[in-house]
Amino acid sequence: MKIIGTGAYVPEKIITNDDLSTMVETSDEWITQRVGVKERRVSVNETAADFGAEAAKKALLSANISAEDLDLIIVSTITGETLCPTTAALIQKAIGATCPAFDMQSACSGFMFALDTADSFISSGKGYKNVLVVATERMSKILDWTDRSTCVIFGDGAGAAVVTEGDGYLASSLYTKGDDEVLYIPSCTKNSPFFEKEYADTKVFMNGSETFNFAVRKIVDDIKEVAEKAGISVSDIDYIVSHQANIRIISYASKRLGIPMDKFVVDIDKYGNTSSASVPMALDDLVKEGKLKDGDIIAMCAFGGGLSSSACIIKWSK
């Protein structure tokens, strides 16, 4: 496959570090140095499906195709409002598509898992040509806004890509290691009178140091792996679009890979960690900058709950 269009959307409301300092014990200096976030967007009256639909419309416009041309929609989200209808189904309705649509999730790695799934559908020979891949997250709804270790990190937003038949997807890697002790994102309503297990927490929990170590290791290992699969060296990579979790994670990975920071796309300062939406949002930023040329090699990578990680090598074509 190849990517022929990208799009992104964030809600209007901006929460700065100074705003957060009035809610929890923190400061702009602390957040900037520890995480790299200056501000983030949060929803006032829009859902993850609303975000995703707007990002999808922009991706379709970028790809110069209509919603009627889509053969499949795959949506990554852990913050949809409903299990049924799926977020993908709500996005399908909002953009006027008629193709099959389904959700999938692997936390912050979700977009990359969905992108790889799209490639499999296109390669299947079953008539899937144009696939819309959306990652959309309303992280603000599952945060503990009294916990400065998590609420300062995340933001809301969506990113999307339209992919079609082509030879631009050179290599990929997906990884999962079941673990709920490092990063825990619950989905429990406690409505059943029969269910005996009580979950200790109903909000995002993250062991910061363990997550940090896992993230740096997987960025480095996964990029080396997909570069080898693609038959290139790490130095051949023109841009790295990484999950935007923490600026220090990206900085450490840069040093260990021997790749300068100016090859990494960084927008965490503007949006925070938008979970699975962060990679397509950063990719859209890169596209909008107008720096990409035919034949540029892009590495994309993500890591997060599951535990999970993912990476791919893309050869860009306009």
C-alpha atoms as a PDB file:
ATOM      1  CA  MET A   1       0.000   0.000   0.000  1.00  0.00           C
ATOM      2  CA  LYS A   2       0.895   3.664   0.002  1.00  0.00           C
ATOM      3  CA  ILE A   3      -0.430   6.708   1.838  1.00  0.00           C
ATOM      4  CA  ILE A   4      -2.222   9.177  -0.425  1.00  0.00           C
ATOM      5  CA  GLY A   5      -3.777  11.556   2.099  1.00  0.00           C
ATOM      6  CA  THR A   6      -3.522  12.653   5.737  1.00  0.00           C
ATOM      7  CA  GLY A   7      -5.609  14.762   8.084  1.00  0.00           C
ATOM      8  CA  ALA A   8      -5.797  15.798  11.726  1.00  0.00           C
ATOM      9  CA  TYR A   9      -8.182  17.562  14.077  1.00  0.00           C
ATOM     10  CA  VAL A  10      -8.035  18.912  17.628  1.00  0.00           C
ATOM     11  CA  PRO A  11     -10.753  20.569  19.708  1.00  0.00           C
ATOM     12  CA  GLU A  12     -10.592  24.323  20.240  1.00  0.00           C
ATOM     13  CA  LYS A  13     -10.123  24.512  24.012  1.00  0.00           C
ATOM     14  CA  ILE A  14      -6.474  24.892  25.039  1.00  0.00           C
ATOM     15  CA  ILE A  15      -5.268  23.987  28.531  1.00  0.00           C
ATOM     16  CA  THR A  16      -1.827  25.441  29.233  1.00  0.00           C
ATOM     17  CA  ASN A  17       0.619  24.312  31.889  1.00  0.00           C
ATOM     18  CA  ASP A  18      -0.204  27.445  33.846  1.00  0.00           C
ATOM     19  CA  ASP A  19      -3.873  26.454  33.734  1.00  0.00           C
ATOM     20  CA  LEU A  20      -3.015  23.052  35.185  1.00  0.00           C
ATOM     21  CA  SER A  21      -0.948  24.623  37.941  1.00  0.00           C
ATOM     22  CA  THR A  22      -4.202  26.035  39.356  1.00  0.00           C
ATOM     23  CA  MET A  23      -5.689  22.499  39.480  1.00  0.00           C
ATOM     24  CA  VAL A  24      -2.797  20.337  40.717  1.00  0.00           C
ATOM     25  CA  GLU A  25       0.582  20.917  42.334  1.00  0.00           C
ATOM     26  CA  THR A  26       2.721  21.487  39.252  1.00  0.00           C
ATOM     27  CA  SER A  27       4.314  24.234  37.171  1.00  0.00           C
ATOM     28  CA  ASP A  28       5.083  25.100  33.581  1.00  0.00           C
ATOM     29  CA  GLU A  29       8.790  24.548  34.265  1.00  0.00           C
ATOM     30  CA  TRP A  30       8.247  21.100  35.771  1.00  0.00           C
ATOM     31  CA  ILE A  31       5.984  19.863  32.956  1.00  0.00           C
ATOM     32  CA  THR A  32       8.161  21.319  30.202  1.00  0.00           C
ATOM     33  CA  GLN A  33      11.348  19.763  31.568  1.00  0.00           C
ATOM     34  CA  ARG A  34       9.875  16.400  32.560  1.00  0.00           C
ATOM     35  CA  VAL A  35       7.490  15.810  29.661  1.00  0.00           C
ATOM     36  CA  GLY A  36       7.918  18.479  26.983  1.00  0.00           C
ATOM     37  CA  VAL A  37       4.265  19.563  26.872  1.00  0.00           C
ATOM     38  CA  LYS A  38       3.420  23.269  26.863  1.00  0.00           C
ATOM     39  CA  GLU A  39      -0.314  22.961  26.140  1.00  0.00           C
ATOM     40  CA  ARG A  40      -2.909  20.388  25.175  1.00  0.00           C
ATOM     41  CA  ARG A  41      -6.411  20.412  23.671  1.00  0.00           C
ATOM     42  CA  VAL A  42      -9.439  19.109  25.556  1.00  0.00           C
ATOM     43  CA  SER A  43     -12.988  18.577  24.393  1.00  0.00           C
ATOM     44  CA  VAL A  44     -15.883  20.591  25.731  1.00  0.00           C
ATOM     45  CA  ASN A  45     -18.731  19.083  23.711  1.00  0.00           C
ATOM     46  CA  GLU A  46     -17.210  16.819  21.029  1.00  0.00           C
ATOM     47  CA  THR A  47     -16.716  13.052  21.154  1.00  0.00           C
ATOM     48  CA  ALA A  48     -13.927  10.877  19.816  1.00  0.00           C
ATOM     49  CA  ALA A  49     -16.187  10.074  16.859  1.00  0.00           C
ATOM     50  CA  ASP A  50     -16.590  13.797  16.172  1.00  0.00           C
ATOM     51  CA  PHE A  51     -12.812  14.268  16.195  1.00  0.00           C
ATOM     52  CA  GLY A  52     -12.292  11.282  13.946  1.00  0.00           C
ATOM     53  CA  ALA A  53     -14.881  12.391  11.408  1.00  0.00           C
ATOM     54  CA  GLU A  54     -13.233  15.800  11.029  1.00  0.00           C
ATOM     55  CA  ALA A  55      -9.765  14.271  10.636  1.00  0.00           C
ATOM     56  CA  ALA A  56     -11.203  11.791   8.129  1.00  0.00           C
ATOM     57  CA  LYS A  57     -12.761  14.560   6.023  1.00  0.00           C
ATOM     58  CA  LYS A  58      -9.409  16.337   5.842  1.00  0.00           C
ATOM     59  CA  ALA A  59      -7.607  13.111   4.882  1.00  0.00           C
ATOM     60  CA  LEU A  60     -10.131  12.452   2.094  1.00  0.00           C
ATOM     61  CA  LEU A  61      -9.665  15.995   0.810  1.00  0.00           C
ATOM     62  CA  SER A  62      -5.885  15.520   0.886  1.00  0.00           C
ATOM     63  CA  ALA A  63      -6.238  12.222  -0.997  1.00  0.00           C
ATOM     64  CA  ASN A  64      -8.619  13.812  -3.524  1.00  0.00           C
ATOM     65  CA  ILE A  65     -11.189  11.067  -3.167  1.00  0.00           C
ATOM     66  CA  SER A  66     -14.734  11.007  -1.785  1.00  0.00           C
ATOM     67  CA  ALA A  67     -16.151   8.957   1.070  1.00  0.00           C
ATOM     68  CA  GLU A  68     -18.064   6.929  -1.531  1.00  0.00           C
ATOM     69  CA  ASP A  69     -14.725   5.728  -2.928  1.00  0.00           C
ATOM     70  CA  LEU A  70     -13.766   4.037   0.367  1.00  0.00           C
ATOM     71  CA  ASP A  71     -13.792   0.254   0.590  1.00  0.00           C
ATOM     72  CA  LEU A  72     -13.067   0.018   4.318  1.00  0.00           C
ATOM     73  CA  ILE A  73     -12.733   2.163   7.454  1.00  0.00           C
ATOM     74  CA  ILE A  74     -10.574   1.056  10.400  1.00  0.00           C
ATOM     75  CA  VAL A  75     -10.620   3.154  13.571  1.00  0.00           C
ATOM     76  CA  SER A  76      -8.251   2.947  16.517  1.00  0.00           C
ATOM     77  CA  THR A  77      -9.618   4.287  19.802  1.00  0.00           C
ATOM     78  CA  ILE A  78      -9.721   3.487  23.515  1.00  0.00           C
ATOM     79  CA  THR A  79     -12.051   6.372  24.309  1.00  0.00           C
ATOM     80  CA  GLY A  80     -15.122   5.886  22.151  1.00  0.00           C
ATOM     81  CA  GLU A  81     -18.444   6.850  23.705  1.00  0.00           C
ATOM     82  CA  THR A  82     -20.148   3.602  22.759  1.00  0.00           C
ATOM     83  CA  LEU A  83     -19.207   0.004  22.091  1.00  0.00           C
ATOM     84  CA  CYS A  84     -22.197  -0.220  19.772  1.00  0.00           C
ATOM     85  CA  PRO A  85     -22.427   1.522  17.415  1.00  0.00           C
ATOM     86  CA  THR A  86     -18.679   1.448  16.998  1.00  0.00           C
ATOM     87  CA  THR A  87     -16.742   4.678  16.662  1.00  0.00           C
ATOM     88  CA  ALA A  88     -15.933   3.565  13.115  1.00  0.00           C
ATOM     89  CA  ALA A  89     -19.645   3.250  12.329  1.00  0.00           C
ATOM     90  CA  LEU A  90     -20.321   6.737  13.680  1.00  0.00           C
ATOM     91  CA  ILE A  91     -17.492   8.144  11.572  1.00  0.00           C
ATOM     92  CA  GLN A  92     -18.776   6.260   8.528  1.00  0.00           C
ATOM     93  CA  LYS A  93     -22.182   7.914   8.944  1.00  0.00           C
ATOM     94  CA  ALA A  94     -20.704  11.364   9.574  1.00  0.00           C
ATOM     95  CA  ILE A  95     -18.610  11.384   6.394  1.00  0.00           C
ATOM     96  CA  GLY A  96     -21.222   9.707   4.184  1.00  0.00           C
ATOM     97  CA  ALA A  97     -19.398   6.445   3.484  1.00  0.00           C
ATOM     98  CA  THR A  98     -21.148   3.120   2.901  1.00  0.00           C
ATOM     99  CA  CYS A  99     -18.256   0.661   3.235  1.00  0.00           C
ATOM    100  CA  PRO A 100     -17.604  -1.764   6.114  1.00  0.00           C
ATOM    101  CA  ALA A 101     -16.166  -0.116   9.210  1.00  0.00           C
ATOM    102  CA  PHE A 102     -14.813  -1.476  12.470  1.00  0.00           C
ATOM    103  CA  ASP A 103     -12.871  -0.476  15.587  1.00  0.00           C
ATOM    104  CA  MET A 104      -9.658  -1.937  16.898  1.00  0.00           C
ATOM    105  CA  GLN A 105      -7.415  -0.911  19.741  1.00  0.00           C
ATOM    106  CA  SER A 106      -3.949  -1.448  21.080  1.00  0.00           C
ATOM    107  CA  ALA A 107      -3.736   1.717  23.187  1.00  0.00           C
ATOM    108  CA  CYS A 108      -1.061   4.136  21.951  1.00  0.00           C
ATOM    109  CA  SER A 109       0.131   1.645  19.306  1.00  0.00           C
ATOM    110  CA  GLY A 110      -3.358   1.373  17.829  1.00  0.00           C
ATOM    111  CA  PHE A 111      -2.888   3.456  14.684  1.00  0.00           C
ATOM    112  CA  MET A 112       0.116   1.394  13.651  1.00  0.00           C
ATOM    113  CA  PHE A 113      -1.774  -1.867  14.247  1.00  0.00           C
ATOM    114  CA  ALA A 114      -4.657  -0.484  12.180  1.00  0.00           C
ATOM    115  CA  LEU A 115      -2.316   0.624   9.391  1.00  0.00           C
ATOM    116  CA  ASP A 116      -0.802  -2.841   9.201  1.00  0.00           C
ATOM    117  CA  THR A 117      -4.303  -4.332   9.124  1.00  0.00           C
ATOM    118  CA  ALA A 118      -5.191  -2.017   6.246  1.00  0.00           C
ATOM    119  CA  ASP A 119      -2.170  -3.274   4.328  1.00  0.00           C
ATOM    120  CA  SER A 120      -3.343  -6.852   4.868  1.00  0.00           C
ATOM    121  CA  PHE A 121      -6.816  -6.065   3.537  1.00  0.00           C
ATOM    122  CA  ILE A 122      -5.401  -4.328   0.463  1.00  0.00           C
ATOM    123  CA  SER A 123      -3.031  -7.244  -0.155  1.00  0.00           C
ATOM    124  CA  SER A 124      -5.758  -9.854   0.303  1.00  0.00           C
ATOM    125  CA  GLY A 125      -7.040  -9.690  -3.268  1.00  0.00           C
ATOM    126  CA  LYS A 126     -10.615  -9.326  -2.010  1.00  0.00           C
ATOM    127  CA  GLY A 127     -11.273  -5.950  -3.602  1.00  0.00           C
ATOM    128  CA  TYR A 128     -10.180  -3.571  -0.883  1.00  0.00           C
ATOM    129  CA  LYS A 129      -8.452  -0.692  -2.656  1.00  0.00           C
ATOM    130  CA  ASN A 130      -9.042   2.524  -0.707  1.00  0.00           C
ATOM    131  CA  VAL A 131      -8.894   2.240   3.083  1.00  0.00           C
ATOM    132  CA  LEU A 132      -9.393   5.024   5.625  1.00  0.00           C
ATOM    133  CA  VAL A 133      -7.413   4.554   8.849  1.00  0.00           C
ATOM    134  CA  VAL A 134      -8.389   6.844  11.738  1.00  0.00           C
ATOM    135  CA  ALA A 135      -7.030   7.150  15.270  1.00  0.00           C
ATOM    136  CA  THR A 136      -9.092   9.314  17.593  1.00  0.00           C
ATOM    137  CA  GLU A 137      -8.893   9.786  21.352  1.00  0.00           C
ATOM    138  CA  ARG A 138     -10.683  11.815  24.008  1.00  0.00           C
ATOM    139  CA  MET A 139      -8.159  11.083  26.736  1.00  0.00           C
ATOM    140  CA  SER A 140      -9.554  13.851  28.936  1.00  0.00           C
ATOM    141  CA  LYS A 141     -12.521  11.648  29.837  1.00  0.00           C
ATOM    142  CA  ILE A 142     -10.455   8.861  31.431  1.00  0.00           C
ATOM    143  CA  LEU A 143      -7.857  10.913  33.316  1.00  0.00           C
ATOM    144  CA  ASP A 144      -7.648  11.560  37.031  1.00  0.00           C
ATOM    145  CA  TRP A 145      -7.409  15.361  36.926  1.00  0.00           C
ATOM    146  CA  THR A 146      -6.043  15.389  40.490  1.00  0.00           C
ATOM    147  CA  ASP A 147      -3.061  13.188  39.553  1.00  0.00           C
ATOM    148  CA  ARG A 148      -0.249  15.344  38.214  1.00  0.00           C
ATOM    149  CA  SER A 149       1.723  12.301  37.035  1.00  0.00           C
ATOM    150  CA  THR A 150      -0.860  11.619  34.310  1.00  0.00           C
ATOM    151  CA  CYS A 151      -3.133  14.632  33.768  1.00  0.00           C
ATOM    152  CA  VAL A 152      -0.261  16.856  32.607  1.00  0.00           C
ATOM    153  CA  ILE A 153       0.720  14.417  29.852  1.00  0.00           C
ATOM    154  CA  PHE A 154      -2.363  13.748  27.756  1.00  0.00           C
ATOM    155  CA  GLY A 155      -4.562  15.628  25.311  1.00  0.00           C
ATOM    156  CA  ASP A 156      -7.452  15.076  22.898  1.00  0.00           C
ATOM    157  CA  GLY A 157      -7.268  14.814  19.111  1.00  0.00           C
ATOM    158  CA  ALA A 158      -7.492  12.683  15.995  1.00  0.00           C
ATOM    159  CA  GLY A 159      -5.405  11.812  12.977  1.00  0.00           C
ATOM    160  CA  ALA A 160      -6.257   9.963   9.774  1.00  0.00           C
ATOM    161  CA  ALA A 161      -4.661   8.538   6.663  1.00  0.00           C
ATOM    162  CA  VAL A 162      -6.076   7.270   3.380  1.00  0.00           C
ATOM    163  CA  VAL A 163      -4.128   4.348   1.931  1.00  0.00           C
ATOM    164  CA  THR A 164      -4.457   2.592  -1.397  1.00  0.00           C
ATOM    165  CA  GLU A 165      -2.664   0.077  -3.587  1.00  0.00           C
ATOM    166  CA  GLY A 166       1.026   0.778  -3.994  1.00  0.00           C
ATOM    167  CA  ASP A 167       4.543  -0.210  -3.054  1.00  0.00           C
ATOM    168  CA  GLY A 168       5.284   2.299  -0.298  1.00  0.00           C
ATOM    169  CA  TYR A 169       4.877   0.051   2.761  1.00  0.00           C
ATOM    170  CA  LEU A 170       8.300  -1.531   2.995  1.00  0.00           C
ATOM    171  CA  ALA A 171       8.344  -3.282   6.374  1.00  0.00           C
ATOM    172  CA  SER A 172       6.475  -3.502   9.665  1.00  0.00           C
ATOM    173  CA  SER A 173       6.698  -4.940  13.168  1.00  0.00           C
ATOM    174  CA  LEU A 174       3.999  -5.485  15.802  1.00  0.00           C
ATOM    175  CA  TYR A 175       4.613  -6.471  19.432  1.00  0.00           C
ATOM    176  CA  THR A 176       2.441  -7.324  22.427  1.00  0.00           C
ATOM    177  CA  LYS A 177       3.348  -8.470  25.915  1.00  0.00           C
ATOM    178  CA  GLY A 178       0.317  -8.825  28.163  1.00  0.00           C
ATOM    179  CA  ASP A 179       0.927  -6.703  31.252  1.00  0.00           C
ATOM    180  CA  ASP A 180      -1.439  -4.611  33.397  1.00  0.00           C
ATOM    181  CA  GLU A 181       1.091  -3.562  36.042  1.00  0.00           C
ATOM    182  CA  VAL A 182       2.993  -0.905  34.059  1.00  0.00           C
ATOM    183  CA  LEU A 183       0.185   0.910  32.248  1.00  0.00           C
ATOM    184  CA  TYR A 184      -3.465   0.367  33.090  1.00  0.00           C
ATOM    185  CA  ILE A 185      -6.429   1.925  31.303  1.00  0.00           C
ATOM    186  CA  PRO A 186      -9.692   0.524  32.701  1.00  0.00           C
ATOM    187  CA  SER A 187     -13.027  -0.035  31.030  1.00  0.00           C
ATOM    188  CA  CYS A 188     -15.373  -1.121  33.789  1.00  0.00           C
ATOM    189  CA  THR A 189     -18.858   0.074  34.674  1.00  0.00           C
ATOM    190  CA  LYS A 190     -19.420  -2.162  37.715  1.00  0.00           C
ATOM    191  CA  ASN A 191     -23.023  -2.768  36.687  1.00  0.00           C
ATOM    192  CA  SER A 192     -23.096  -6.552  37.127  1.00  0.00           C
ATOM    193  CA  PRO A 193     -24.410  -7.770  40.511  1.00  0.00           C
ATOM    194  CA  PHE A 194     -22.672 -11.096  39.875  1.00  0.00           C
ATOM    195  CA  PHE A 195     -19.121  -9.963  39.127  1.00  0.00           C
ATOM    196  CA  GLU A 196     -17.009 -10.378  42.283  1.00  0.00           C
ATOM    197  CA  LYS A 197     -13.708  -8.809  41.265  1.00  0.00           C
ATOM    198  CA  GLU A 198     -13.411  -5.150  42.146  1.00  0.00           C
ATOM    199  CA  TYR A 199     -10.954  -3.040  40.184  1.00  0.00           C
ATOM    200  CA  ALA A 200      -8.851  -0.786  42.376  1.00  0.00           C
ATOM    201  CA  ASP A 201      -8.767   2.091  39.936  1.00  0.00           C
ATOM    202  CA  THR A 202     -11.136   3.356  37.270  1.00  0.00           C
ATOM    203  CA  LYS A 203      -8.742   5.877  35.750  1.00  0.00           C
ATOM    204  CA  VAL A 204      -5.466   5.757  33.864  1.00  0.00           C
ATOM    205  CA  PHE A 205      -2.568   4.374  35.901  1.00  0.00           C
ATOM    206  CA  MET A 206       1.017   4.552  34.672  1.00  0.00           C
ATOM    207  CA  ASN A 207       4.296   3.493  36.234  1.00  0.00           C
ATOM    208  CA  GLY A 208       6.366   6.310  34.791  1.00  0.00           C
ATOM    209  CA  SER A 209       9.865   4.847  35.067  1.00  0.00           C
ATOM    210  CA  GLU A 210       8.883   1.417  33.730  1.00  0.00           C
ATOM    211  CA  THR A 211       6.948   2.971  30.855  1.00  0.00           C
ATOM    212  CA  PHE A 212       9.913   5.211  30.040  1.00  0.00           C
ATOM    213  CA  ASN A 213      12.378   2.315  29.910  1.00  0.00           C
ATOM    214  CA  PHE A 214      10.038   0.179  27.813  1.00  0.00           C
ATOM    215  CA  ALA A 215       9.394   3.022  25.390  1.00  0.00           C
ATOM    216  CA  VAL A 216      13.041   3.888  24.731  1.00  0.00           C
ATOM    217  CA  ARG A 217      14.006   0.255  24.291  1.00  0.00           C
ATOM    218  CA  LYS A 218      11.169  -0.501  21.893  1.00  0.00           C
ATOM    219  CA  ILE A 219      11.683   2.608  19.727  1.00  0.00           C
ATOM    220  CA  VAL A 220      15.322   1.651  19.240  1.00  0.00           C
ATOM    221  CA  ASP A 221      14.784  -2.091  18.768  1.00  0.00           C
ATOM    222  CA  ASP A 222      11.715  -1.750  16.538  1.00  0.00           C
ATOM    223  CA  ILE A 223      13.240   0.829  14.205  1.00  0.00           C
ATOM    224  CA  LYS A 224      16.375  -1.263  13.824  1.00  0.00           C
ATOM    225  CA  GLU A 225      14.209  -4.316  13.105  1.00  0.00           C
ATOM    226  CA  VAL A 226      12.045  -2.712  10.410  1.00  0.00           C
ATOM    227  CA  ALA A 227      15.051  -1.026   8.797  1.00  0.00           C
ATOM    228  CA  GLU A 228      16.725  -4.424   8.498  1.00  0.00           C
ATOM    229  CA  LYS A 229      13.520  -5.967   7.089  1.00  0.00           C
ATOM    230  CA  ALA A 230      13.320  -3.152   4.522  1.00  0.00           C
ATOM    231  CA  GLY A 231      16.942  -3.689   3.497  1.00  0.00           C
ATOM    232  CA  ILE A 232      18.103  -0.236   4.560  1.00  0.00           C
ATOM    233  CA  SER A 233      20.346   1.158   7.263  1.00  0.00           C
ATOM    234  CA  VAL A 234      19.049   3.360  10.053  1.00  0.00           C
ATOM    235  CA  SER A 235      21.047   6.243   8.572  1.00  0.00           C
ATOM    236  CA  ASP A 236      18.951   5.993   5.378  1.00  0.00           C
ATOM    237  CA  ILE A 237      15.847   7.157   7.263  1.00  0.00           C
ATOM    238  CA  ASP A 238      14.862  10.735   6.409  1.00  0.00           C
ATOM    239  CA  TYR A 239      12.217  11.277   9.087  1.00  0.00           C
ATOM    240  CA  ILE A 240      11.020   9.450  12.193  1.00  0.00           C
ATOM    241  CA  VAL A 241       7.385   9.911  13.216  1.00  0.00           C
ATOM    242  CA  SER A 242       7.256   8.623  16.773  1.00  0.00           C
ATOM    243  CA  HIS A 243       4.475   8.382  19.310  1.00  0.00           C
ATOM    244  CA  GLN A 244       4.460  11.658  21.247  1.00  0.00           C
ATOM    245  CA  ALA A 245       4.583  10.465  24.845  1.00  0.00           C
ATOM    246  CA  ASN A 246       7.511  12.332  26.339  1.00  0.00           C
ATOM    247  CA  ILE A 247      10.210  14.520  24.778  1.00  0.00           C
ATOM    248  CA  ARG A 248      12.868  12.798  26.884  1.00  0.00           C
ATOM    249  CA  ILE A 249      11.899   9.404  25.439  1.00  0.00           C
ATOM    250  CA  ILE A 250      12.435  10.752  21.928  1.00  0.00           C
ATOM    251  CA  SER A 251      15.723  12.378  22.949  1.00  0.00           C
ATOM    252  CA  TYR A 252      17.084   9.169  24.496  1.00  0.00           C
ATOM    253  CA  ALA A 253      16.030   7.147  21.433  1.00  0.00           C
ATOM    254  CA  SER A 254      17.718   9.684  19.165  1.00  0.00           C
ATOM    255  CA  LYS A 255      21.025   9.235  20.988  1.00  0.00           C
ATOM    256  CA  ARG A 256      20.846   5.424  21.054  1.00  0.00           C
ATOM    257  CA  LEU A 257      19.971   5.215  17.359  1.00  0.00           C
ATOM    258  CA  GLY A 258      22.581   7.780  16.365  1.00  0.00           C
ATOM    259  CA  ILE A 259      19.905   9.745  14.520  1.00  0.00           C
ATOM    260  CA  PRO A 260      19.827  13.530  15.075  1.00  0.00           C
ATOM    261  CA  MET A 261      16.773  15.039  16.737  1.00  0.00           C
ATOM    262  CA  ASP A 262      16.012  17.144  13.669  1.00  0.00           C
ATOM    263  CA  LYS A 263      14.922  13.938  11.903  1.00  0.00           C
ATOM    264  CA  PHE A 264      12.265  13.313  14.562  1.00  0.00           C
ATOM    265  CA  VAL A 265       8.866  14.945  14.147  1.00  0.00           C
ATOM    266  CA  VAL A 266       7.962  16.573  17.470  1.00  0.00           C
ATOM    267  CA  ASP A 267       4.620  18.198  18.287  1.00  0.00           C
ATOM    268  CA  ILE A 268       4.104  17.048  21.887  1.00  0.00           C
ATOM    269  CA  ASP A 269       4.579  20.644  23.008  1.00  0.00           C
ATOM    270  CA  LYS A 270       1.363  21.636  21.194  1.00  0.00           C
ATOM    271  CA  TYR A 271      -0.883  18.630  21.752  1.00  0.00           C
ATOM    272  CA  GLY A 272       0.491  16.443  24.536  1.00  0.00           C
ATOM    273  CA  ASN A 273       0.141  12.677  24.335  1.00  0.00           C
ATOM    274  CA  THR A 274      -2.987  11.929  22.285  1.00  0.00           C
ATOM    275  CA  SER A 275      -2.502   8.150  22.582  1.00  0.00           C
ATOM    276  CA  SER A 276      -3.057   6.341  19.270  1.00  0.00           C
ATOM    277  CA  ALA A 277      -3.834   9.627  17.505  1.00  0.00           C
ATOM    278  CA  SER A 278      -0.348  11.038  18.078  1.00  0.00           C
ATOM    279  CA  VAL A 279       1.435   9.269  15.191  1.00  0.00           C
ATOM    280  CA  PRO A 280      -1.058  10.220  12.435  1.00  0.00           C
ATOM    281  CA  MET A 281      -1.299  13.752  13.846  1.00  0.00           C
ATOM    282  CA  ALA A 282       2.495  14.094  13.736  1.00  0.00           C
ATOM    283  CA  LEU A 283       2.559  12.601  10.230  1.00  0.00           C
ATOM    284  CA  ASP A 284       0.004  15.169   9.100  1.00  0.00           C
ATOM    285  CA  ASP A 285       2.164  17.931  10.595  1.00  0.00           C
ATOM    286  CA  LEU A 286       5.114  16.622   8.576  1.00  0.00           C
ATOM    287  CA  VAL A 287       3.062  16.529   5.377  1.00  0.00           C
ATOM    288  CA  LYS A 288       1.751  20.066   5.934  1.00  0.00           C
ATOM    289  CA  GLU A 289       5.294  21.395   6.351  1.00  0.00           C
ATOM    290  CA  GLY A 290       5.874  20.531   2.683  1.00  0.00           C
ATOM    291  CA  LYS A 291       9.301  19.020   3.281  1.00  0.00           C
ATOM    292  CA  LEU A 292       8.531  15.508   2.035  1.00  0.00           C
ATOM    293  CA  LYS A 293       9.896  14.518  -1.376  1.00  0.00           C
ATOM    294  CA  ASP A 294       9.201  11.501  -3.560  1.00  0.00           C
ATOM    295  CA  GLY A 295      11.314   8.614  -2.325  1.00  0.00           C
ATOM    296  CA  ASP A 296      11.821   9.921   1.231  1.00  0.00           C
ATOM    297  CA  ILE A 297      12.078   7.145   3.798  1.00  0.00           C
ATOM    298  CA  ILE A 298       9.861   7.543   6.857  1.00  0.00           C
ATOM    299  CA  ALA A 299       9.982   5.385   9.969  1.00  0.00           C
ATOM    300  CA  MET A 300       6.892   5.434  12.170  1.00  0.00           C
ATOM    301  CA  CYS A 301       6.832   3.898  15.635  1.00  0.00           C
ATOM    302  CA  ALA A 302       4.611   3.719  18.699  1.00  0.00           C
ATOM    303  CA  PHE A 303       4.488   2.110  22.124  1.00  0.00           C
ATOM    304  CA  GLY A 304       1.985   1.931  24.932  1.00  0.00           C
ATOM    305  CA  GLY A 305      -0.430  -0.106  26.969  1.00  0.00           C
ATOM    306  CA  GLY A 306      -0.781  -3.787  26.408  1.00  0.00           C
ATOM    307  CA  LEU A 307       2.141  -3.622  26.639  1.00  0.00           C
ATOM    308  CA  SER A 308       2.479  -3.044  22.929  1.00  0.00           C
ATOM    309  CA  SER A 309       4.710  -1.486  20.317  1.00  0.00           C
ATOM    310  CA  SER A 310       4.793  -1.141  16.563  1.00  0.00           C
ATOM    311  CA  ALA A 311       6.907   0.285  13.772  1.00  0.00           C
ATOM    312  CA  CYS A 312       7.007   0.491   9.993  1.00  0.00           C
ATOM    313  CA  ILE A 313       9.085   1.850   7.137  1.00  0.00           C
ATOM    314  CA  ILE A 314       7.313   3.843   4.430  1.00  0.00           C
ATOM    315  CA  LYS A 315       8.666   5.100   1.131  1.00  0.00           C
ATOM    316  CA  TRP A 316       6.869   8.365   0.475  1.00  0.00           C
ATOM    317  CA  SER A 317       5.362   9.158  -2.916  1.00  0.00           C
ATOM    318  CA  LYS A 318       3.230  12.122  -3.898  1.00  0.00           C
END
